[in-house]
Amino acid sequence: MYIQIKENGWDYLMKTVGEKYIKHCIENKKIDIENESWYKLQCHQVFDLFPMNFGSKPMININVMFDEKDLY
């Protein structure tokens, strides 16, 4: 799953998992697609990292992408 993390998402991650986790488990998964930064993470990882924020500002862009070959 490819996601874009918003500024409030980075702030949340810094508070919950810390800089070391971000550096080794998220930032090294960064890819650029059409001059935008995306992070390829497992779906379960995204759901574990970010809480459901009904009524709050989303922490990731609500548009996500999947690599077709990963769906089989």
PDB file of N, CA and C in Angstrom:
ATOM      1  N   MET A   1       0.863  -1.155   0.000  1.00  0.00           N
ATOM      2  CA  MET A   1       0.000   0.000   0.000  1.00  0.00           C
ATOM      3  C   MET A   1       0.912   1.221   0.000  1.00  0.00           C
ATOM      4  N   TYR A   2       0.634   2.155  -0.884  1.00  0.00           N
ATOM      5  CA  TYR A   2       1.401   3.397  -0.942  1.00  0.00           C
ATOM      6  C   TYR A   2       0.581   4.506  -0.298  1.00  0.00           C
ATOM      7  N   ILE A   3       1.189   5.223   0.661  1.00  0.00           N
ATOM      8  CA  ILE A   3       0.488   6.304   1.344  1.00  0.00           C
ATOM      9  C   ILE A   3       1.337   7.574   1.324  1.00  0.00           C
ATOM     10  N   GLN A   4       0.646   8.689   1.541  1.00  0.00           N
ATOM     11  CA  GLN A   4       1.317   9.970   1.756  1.00  0.00           C
ATOM     12  C   GLN A   4       0.964  10.402   3.183  1.00  0.00           C
ATOM     13  N   ILE A   5       1.978  10.733   3.944  1.00  0.00           N
ATOM     14  CA  ILE A   5       1.783  11.099   5.338  1.00  0.00           C
ATOM     15  C   ILE A   5       1.732  12.617   5.449  1.00  0.00           C
ATOM     16  N   LYS A   6       0.679  13.110   6.092  1.00  0.00           N
ATOM     17  CA  LYS A   6       0.518  14.556   6.271  1.00  0.00           C
ATOM     18  C   LYS A   6       1.339  15.027   7.470  1.00  0.00           C
ATOM     19  N   GLU A   7       1.492  16.338   7.589  1.00  0.00           N
ATOM     20  CA  GLU A   7       2.303  16.926   8.663  1.00  0.00           C
ATOM     21  C   GLU A   7       1.827  16.476  10.046  1.00  0.00           C
ATOM     22  N   ASN A   8       0.511  16.479  10.271  1.00  0.00           N
ATOM     23  CA  ASN A   8       0.013  16.044  11.581  1.00  0.00           C
ATOM     24  C   ASN A   8       0.258  14.546  11.786  1.00  0.00           C
ATOM     25  N   GLY A   9       0.342  13.785  10.706  1.00  0.00           N
ATOM     26  CA  GLY A   9       0.690  12.374  10.795  1.00  0.00           C
ATOM     27  C   GLY A   9       2.131  12.171  11.242  1.00  0.00           C
ATOM     28  N   TRP A  10       3.034  12.987  10.694  1.00  0.00           N
ATOM     29  CA  TRP A  10       4.438  12.920  11.120  1.00  0.00           C
ATOM     30  C   TRP A  10       4.567  13.297  12.589  1.00  0.00           C
ATOM     31  N   ASP A  11       3.834  14.333  13.012  1.00  0.00           N
ATOM     32  CA  ASP A  11       3.869  14.744  14.418  1.00  0.00           C
ATOM     33  C   ASP A  11       3.383  13.608  15.322  1.00  0.00           C
ATOM     34  N   TYR A  12       2.309  12.960  14.915  1.00  0.00           N
ATOM     35  CA  TYR A  12       1.757  11.844  15.681  1.00  0.00           C
ATOM     36  C   TYR A  12       2.762  10.695  15.759  1.00  0.00           C
ATOM     37  N   LEU A  13       3.378  10.359  14.637  1.00  0.00           N
ATOM     38  CA  LEU A  13       4.365   9.284  14.624  1.00  0.00           C
ATOM     39  C   LEU A  13       5.563   9.599  15.510  1.00  0.00           C
ATOM     40  N   MET A  14       5.992  10.846  15.497  1.00  0.00           N
ATOM     41  CA  MET A  14       7.127  11.236  16.334  1.00  0.00           C
ATOM     42  C   MET A  14       6.796  11.017  17.811  1.00  0.00           C
ATOM     43  N   LYS A  15       5.567  11.313  18.193  1.00  0.00           N
ATOM     44  CA  LYS A  15       5.150  11.137  19.592  1.00  0.00           C
ATOM     45  C   LYS A  15       4.939   9.669  19.953  1.00  0.00           C
ATOM     46  N   THR A  16       4.454   8.865  19.009  1.00  0.00           N
ATOM     47  CA  THR A  16       4.071   7.496  19.342  1.00  0.00           C
ATOM     48  C   THR A  16       5.159   6.454  19.088  1.00  0.00           C
ATOM     49  N   VAL A  17       5.883   6.557  17.981  1.00  0.00           N
ATOM     50  CA  VAL A  17       6.888   5.540  17.684  1.00  0.00           C
ATOM     51  C   VAL A  17       8.316   6.076  17.713  1.00  0.00           C
ATOM     52  N   GLY A  18       8.480   7.377  17.594  1.00  0.00           N
ATOM     53  CA  GLY A  18       9.791   7.994  17.711  1.00  0.00           C
ATOM     54  C   GLY A  18      10.597   8.048  16.422  1.00  0.00           C
ATOM     55  N   GLU A  19      11.641   8.846  16.507  1.00  0.00           N
ATOM     56  CA  GLU A  19      12.475   9.150  15.353  1.00  0.00           C
ATOM     57  C   GLU A  19      13.195   7.913  14.803  1.00  0.00           C
ATOM     58  N   LYS A  20      13.686   7.050  15.678  1.00  0.00           N
ATOM     59  CA  LYS A  20      14.425   5.863  15.240  1.00  0.00           C
ATOM     60  C   LYS A  20      13.531   4.939  14.398  1.00  0.00           C
ATOM     61  N   TYR A  21      12.307   4.707  14.841  1.00  0.00           N
ATOM     62  CA  TYR A  21      11.371   3.870  14.090  1.00  0.00           C
ATOM     63  C   TYR A  21      11.049   4.513  12.739  1.00  0.00           C
ATOM     64  N   ILE A  22      10.779   5.814  12.767  1.00  0.00           N
ATOM     65  CA  ILE A  22      10.465   6.529  11.523  1.00  0.00           C
ATOM     66  C   ILE A  22      11.608   6.369  10.519  1.00  0.00           C
ATOM     67  N   LYS A  23      12.829   6.559  10.992  1.00  0.00           N
ATOM     68  CA  LYS A  23      13.992   6.487  10.112  1.00  0.00           C
ATOM     69  C   LYS A  23      14.170   5.090   9.524  1.00  0.00           C
ATOM     70  N   HIS A  24      14.052   4.061  10.344  1.00  0.00           N
ATOM     71  CA  HIS A  24      14.374   2.703   9.897  1.00  0.00           C
ATOM     72  C   HIS A  24      13.198   1.936   9.299  1.00  0.00           C
ATOM     73  N   CYS A  25      11.978   2.320   9.643  1.00  0.00           N
ATOM     74  CA  CYS A  25      10.820   1.530   9.199  1.00  0.00           C
ATOM     75  C   CYS A  25       9.870   2.262   8.263  1.00  0.00           C
ATOM     76  N   ILE A  26      10.037   3.565   8.125  1.00  0.00           N
ATOM     77  CA  ILE A  26       9.141   4.318   7.245  1.00  0.00           C
ATOM     78  C   ILE A  26       9.926   5.077   6.178  1.00  0.00           C
ATOM     79  N   GLU A  27      10.875   5.900   6.596  1.00  0.00           N
ATOM     80  CA  GLU A  27      11.586   6.739   5.633  1.00  0.00           C
ATOM     81  C   GLU A  27      12.351   5.930   4.595  1.00  0.00           C
ATOM     82  N   ASN A  28      12.809   4.754   4.947  1.00  0.00           N
ATOM     83  CA  ASN A  28      13.553   3.958   3.963  1.00  0.00           C
ATOM     84  C   ASN A  28      12.626   3.282   2.952  1.00  0.00           C
ATOM     85  N   LYS A  29      11.317   3.444   3.120  1.00  0.00           N
ATOM     86  CA  LYS A  29      10.323   2.900   2.184  1.00  0.00           C
ATOM     87  C   LYS A  29       9.790   3.986   1.239  1.00  0.00           C
ATOM     88  N   LYS A  30      10.431   5.144   1.264  1.00  0.00           N
ATOM     89  CA  LYS A  30       9.975   6.287   0.458  1.00  0.00           C
ATOM     90  C   LYS A  30      10.300   6.083  -1.009  1.00  0.00           C
ATOM     91  N   ILE A  31       9.321   6.403  -1.843  1.00  0.00           N
ATOM     92  CA  ILE A  31       9.534   6.445  -3.282  1.00  0.00           C
ATOM     93  C   ILE A  31       8.886   7.721  -3.814  1.00  0.00           C
ATOM     94  N   ASP A  32       9.406   8.230  -4.904  1.00  0.00           N
ATOM     95  CA  ASP A  32       8.830   9.411  -5.534  1.00  0.00           C
ATOM     96  C   ASP A  32       8.035   8.976  -6.757  1.00  0.00           C
ATOM     97  N   ILE A  33       6.792   9.396  -6.798  1.00  0.00           N
ATOM     98  CA  ILE A  33       5.913   9.128  -7.930  1.00  0.00           C
ATOM     99  C   ILE A  33       5.369  10.469  -8.398  1.00  0.00           C
ATOM    100  N   GLU A  34       5.686  10.830  -9.625  1.00  0.00           N
ATOM    101  CA  GLU A  34       5.262  12.107 -10.196  1.00  0.00           C
ATOM    102  C   GLU A  34       5.576  13.280  -9.267  1.00  0.00           C
ATOM    103  N   ASN A  35       6.813  13.311  -8.780  1.00  0.00           N
ATOM    104  CA  ASN A  35       7.327  14.380  -7.914  1.00  0.00           C
ATOM    105  C   ASN A  35       6.605  14.492  -6.570  1.00  0.00           C
ATOM    106  N   GLU A  36       5.989  13.412  -6.116  1.00  0.00           N
ATOM    107  CA  GLU A  36       5.366  13.384  -4.792  1.00  0.00           C
ATOM    108  C   GLU A  36       5.973  12.238  -3.999  1.00  0.00           C
ATOM    109  N   SER A  37       6.109  12.440  -2.689  1.00  0.00           N
ATOM    110  CA  SER A  37       6.660  11.408  -1.818  1.00  0.00           C
ATOM    111  C   SER A  37       5.568  10.455  -1.374  1.00  0.00           C
ATOM    112  N   TRP A  38       5.818   9.172  -1.580  1.00  0.00           N
ATOM    113  CA  TRP A  38       4.920   8.104  -1.164  1.00  0.00           C
ATOM    114  C   TRP A  38       5.728   7.109  -0.354  1.00  0.00           C
ATOM    115  N   TYR A  39       5.048   6.384   0.538  1.00  0.00           N
ATOM    116  CA  TYR A  39       5.712   5.392   1.370  1.00  0.00           C
ATOM    117  C   TYR A  39       5.016   4.057   1.177  1.00  0.00           C
ATOM    118  N   LYS A  40       5.791   3.038   0.809  1.00  0.00           N
ATOM    119  CA  LYS A  40       5.222   1.712   0.580  1.00  0.00           C
ATOM    120  C   LYS A  40       5.274   0.929   1.896  1.00  0.00           C
ATOM    121  N   LEU A  41       4.111   0.787   2.504  1.00  0.00           N
ATOM    122  CA  LEU A  41       3.995   0.074   3.773  1.00  0.00           C
ATOM    123  C   LEU A  41       2.948  -1.026   3.638  1.00  0.00           C
ATOM    124  N   GLN A  42       3.023  -1.998   4.509  1.00  0.00           N
ATOM    125  CA  GLN A  42       2.005  -3.035   4.565  1.00  0.00           C
ATOM    126  C   GLN A  42       0.717  -2.437   5.135  1.00  0.00           C
ATOM    127  N   CYS A  43      -0.429  -2.905   4.668  1.00  0.00           N
ATOM    128  CA  CYS A  43      -1.718  -2.387   5.147  1.00  0.00           C
ATOM    129  C   CYS A  43      -1.823  -2.480   6.664  1.00  0.00           C
ATOM    130  N   HIS A  44      -1.451  -3.631   7.220  1.00  0.00           N
ATOM    131  CA  HIS A  44      -1.571  -3.804   8.674  1.00  0.00           C
ATOM    132  C   HIS A  44      -0.688  -2.815   9.419  1.00  0.00           C
ATOM    133  N   GLN A  45       0.455  -2.460   8.840  1.00  0.00           N
ATOM    134  CA  GLN A  45       1.343  -1.488   9.470  1.00  0.00           C
ATOM    135  C   GLN A  45       0.688  -0.109   9.513  1.00  0.00           C
ATOM    136  N   VAL A  46       0.050   0.278   8.421  1.00  0.00           N
ATOM    137  CA  VAL A  46      -0.633   1.577   8.372  1.00  0.00           C
ATOM    138  C   VAL A  46      -1.748   1.630   9.415  1.00  0.00           C
ATOM    139  N   PHE A  47      -2.546   0.553   9.495  1.00  0.00           N
ATOM    140  CA  PHE A  47      -3.655   0.529  10.448  1.00  0.00           C
ATOM    141  C   PHE A  47      -3.162   0.482  11.888  1.00  0.00           C
ATOM    142  N   ASP A  48      -2.001  -0.127  12.134  1.00  0.00           N
ATOM    143  CA  ASP A  48      -1.429  -0.145  13.483  1.00  0.00           C
ATOM    144  C   ASP A  48      -0.850   1.215  13.867  1.00  0.00           C
ATOM    145  N   LEU A  49      -0.273   1.909  12.893  1.00  0.00           N
ATOM    146  CA  LEU A  49       0.394   3.183  13.180  1.00  0.00           C
ATOM    147  C   LEU A  49      -0.564   4.348  13.375  1.00  0.00           C
ATOM    148  N   PHE A  50      -1.639   4.374  12.592  1.00  0.00           N
ATOM    149  CA  PHE A  50      -2.529   5.529  12.598  1.00  0.00           C
ATOM    150  C   PHE A  50      -3.905   5.146  13.137  1.00  0.00           C
ATOM    151  N   PRO A  51      -4.401   5.887  14.128  1.00  0.00           N
ATOM    152  CA  PRO A  51      -5.730   5.584  14.670  1.00  0.00           C
ATOM    153  C   PRO A  51      -6.831   6.044  13.723  1.00  0.00           C
ATOM    154  N   MET A  52      -8.001   5.484  13.887  1.00  0.00           N
ATOM    155  CA  MET A  52      -9.162   5.962  13.146  1.00  0.00           C
ATOM    156  C   MET A  52      -9.579   7.297  13.767  1.00  0.00           C
ATOM    157  N   ASN A  53      -9.557   8.344  12.993  1.00  0.00           N
ATOM    158  CA  ASN A  53      -9.833   9.703  13.476  1.00  0.00           C
ATOM    159  C   ASN A  53     -11.150  10.210  12.917  1.00  0.00           C
ATOM    160  N   PHE A  54     -12.224   9.603  13.251  1.00  0.00           N
ATOM    161  CA  PHE A  54     -13.500  10.078  12.723  1.00  0.00           C
ATOM    162  C   PHE A  54     -13.778  11.476  13.233  1.00  0.00           C
ATOM    163  N   GLY A  55     -13.971  12.411  12.304  1.00  0.00           N
ATOM    164  CA  GLY A  55     -14.256  13.789  12.663  1.00  0.00           C
ATOM    165  C   GLY A  55     -13.020  14.649  12.838  1.00  0.00           C
ATOM    166  N   SER A  56     -11.836  14.072  12.778  1.00  0.00           N
ATOM    167  CA  SER A  56     -10.586  14.828  12.911  1.00  0.00           C
ATOM    168  C   SER A  56      -9.886  14.920  11.561  1.00  0.00           C
ATOM    169  N   LYS A  57      -8.849  15.730  11.518  1.00  0.00           N
ATOM    170  CA  LYS A  57      -8.060  15.839  10.293  1.00  0.00           C
ATOM    171  C   LYS A  57      -7.361  14.508  10.035  1.00  0.00           C
ATOM    172  N   PRO A  58      -7.431  13.991   8.808  1.00  0.00           N
ATOM    173  CA  PRO A  58      -6.725  12.746   8.506  1.00  0.00           C
ATOM    174  C   PRO A  58      -5.211  12.932   8.605  1.00  0.00           C
ATOM    175  N   MET A  59      -4.524  11.894   9.031  1.00  0.00           N
ATOM    176  CA  MET A  59      -3.067  11.940   9.176  1.00  0.00           C
ATOM    177  C   MET A  59      -2.348  11.474   7.922  1.00  0.00           C
ATOM    178  N   ILE A  60      -3.094  10.805   7.038  1.00  0.00           N
ATOM    179  CA  ILE A  60      -2.533  10.418   5.746  1.00  0.00           C
ATOM    180  C   ILE A  60      -3.504  10.889   4.671  1.00  0.00           C
ATOM    181  N   ASN A  61      -2.975  11.053   3.481  1.00  0.00           N
ATOM    182  CA  ASN A  61      -3.826  11.400   2.350  1.00  0.00           C
ATOM    183  C   ASN A  61      -4.831  10.264   2.164  1.00  0.00           C
ATOM    184  N   ILE A  62      -6.095  10.597   2.007  1.00  0.00           N
ATOM    185  CA  ILE A  62      -7.108   9.545   1.895  1.00  0.00           C
ATOM    186  C   ILE A  62      -7.035   8.796   0.572  1.00  0.00           C
ATOM    187  N   ASN A  63      -6.302   9.309  -0.387  1.00  0.00           N
ATOM    188  CA  ASN A  63      -6.055   8.579  -1.632  1.00  0.00           C
ATOM    189  C   ASN A  63      -4.829   7.707  -1.422  1.00  0.00           C
ATOM    190  N   VAL A  64      -5.001   6.409  -1.546  1.00  0.00           N
ATOM    191  CA  VAL A  64      -3.886   5.478  -1.423  1.00  0.00           C
ATOM    192  C   VAL A  64      -3.752   4.715  -2.734  1.00  0.00           C
ATOM    193  N   MET A  65      -2.604   4.086  -2.929  1.00  0.00           N
ATOM    194  CA  MET A  65      -2.380   3.300  -4.145  1.00  0.00           C
ATOM    195  C   MET A  65      -1.925   1.907  -3.761  1.00  0.00           C
ATOM    196  N   PHE A  66      -2.206   0.972  -4.640  1.00  0.00           N
ATOM    197  CA  PHE A  66      -1.738  -0.387  -4.482  1.00  0.00           C
ATOM    198  C   PHE A  66      -1.017  -0.784  -5.755  1.00  0.00           C
ATOM    199  N   ASP A  67       0.041  -1.539  -5.613  1.00  0.00           N
ATOM    200  CA  ASP A  67       0.733  -2.100  -6.766  1.00  0.00           C
ATOM    201  C   ASP A  67      -0.065  -3.325  -7.196  1.00  0.00           C
ATOM    202  N   GLU A  68      -0.464  -3.356  -8.435  1.00  0.00           N
ATOM    203  CA  GLU A  68      -1.325  -4.418  -8.932  1.00  0.00           C
ATOM    204  C   GLU A  68      -0.767  -5.813  -8.645  1.00  0.00           C
ATOM    205  N   LYS A  69       0.543  -5.987  -8.755  1.00  0.00           N
ATOM    206  CA  LYS A  69       1.132  -7.296  -8.527  1.00  0.00           C
ATOM    207  C   LYS A  69       1.033  -7.733  -7.062  1.00  0.00           C
ATOM    208  N   ASP A  70       0.846  -6.801  -6.146  1.00  0.00           N
ATOM    209  CA  ASP A  70       0.716  -7.135  -4.732  1.00  0.00           C
ATOM    210  C   ASP A  70      -0.688  -7.581  -4.357  1.00  0.00           C
ATOM    211  N   LEU A  71      -1.636  -7.454  -5.271  1.00  0.00           N
ATOM    212  CA  LEU A  71      -3.023  -7.805  -4.975  1.00  0.00           C
ATOM    213  C   LEU A  71      -3.337  -9.275  -5.231  1.00  0.00           C
ATOM    214  N   TYR A  72      -2.408  -9.998  -5.772  1.00  0.00           N
ATOM    215  CA  TYR A  72      -2.666 -11.412  -6.080  1.00  0.00           C
ATOM    216  C   TYR A  72      -2.005 -12.332  -5.103  1.00  0.00           C
TER     217      TYR A  72
END
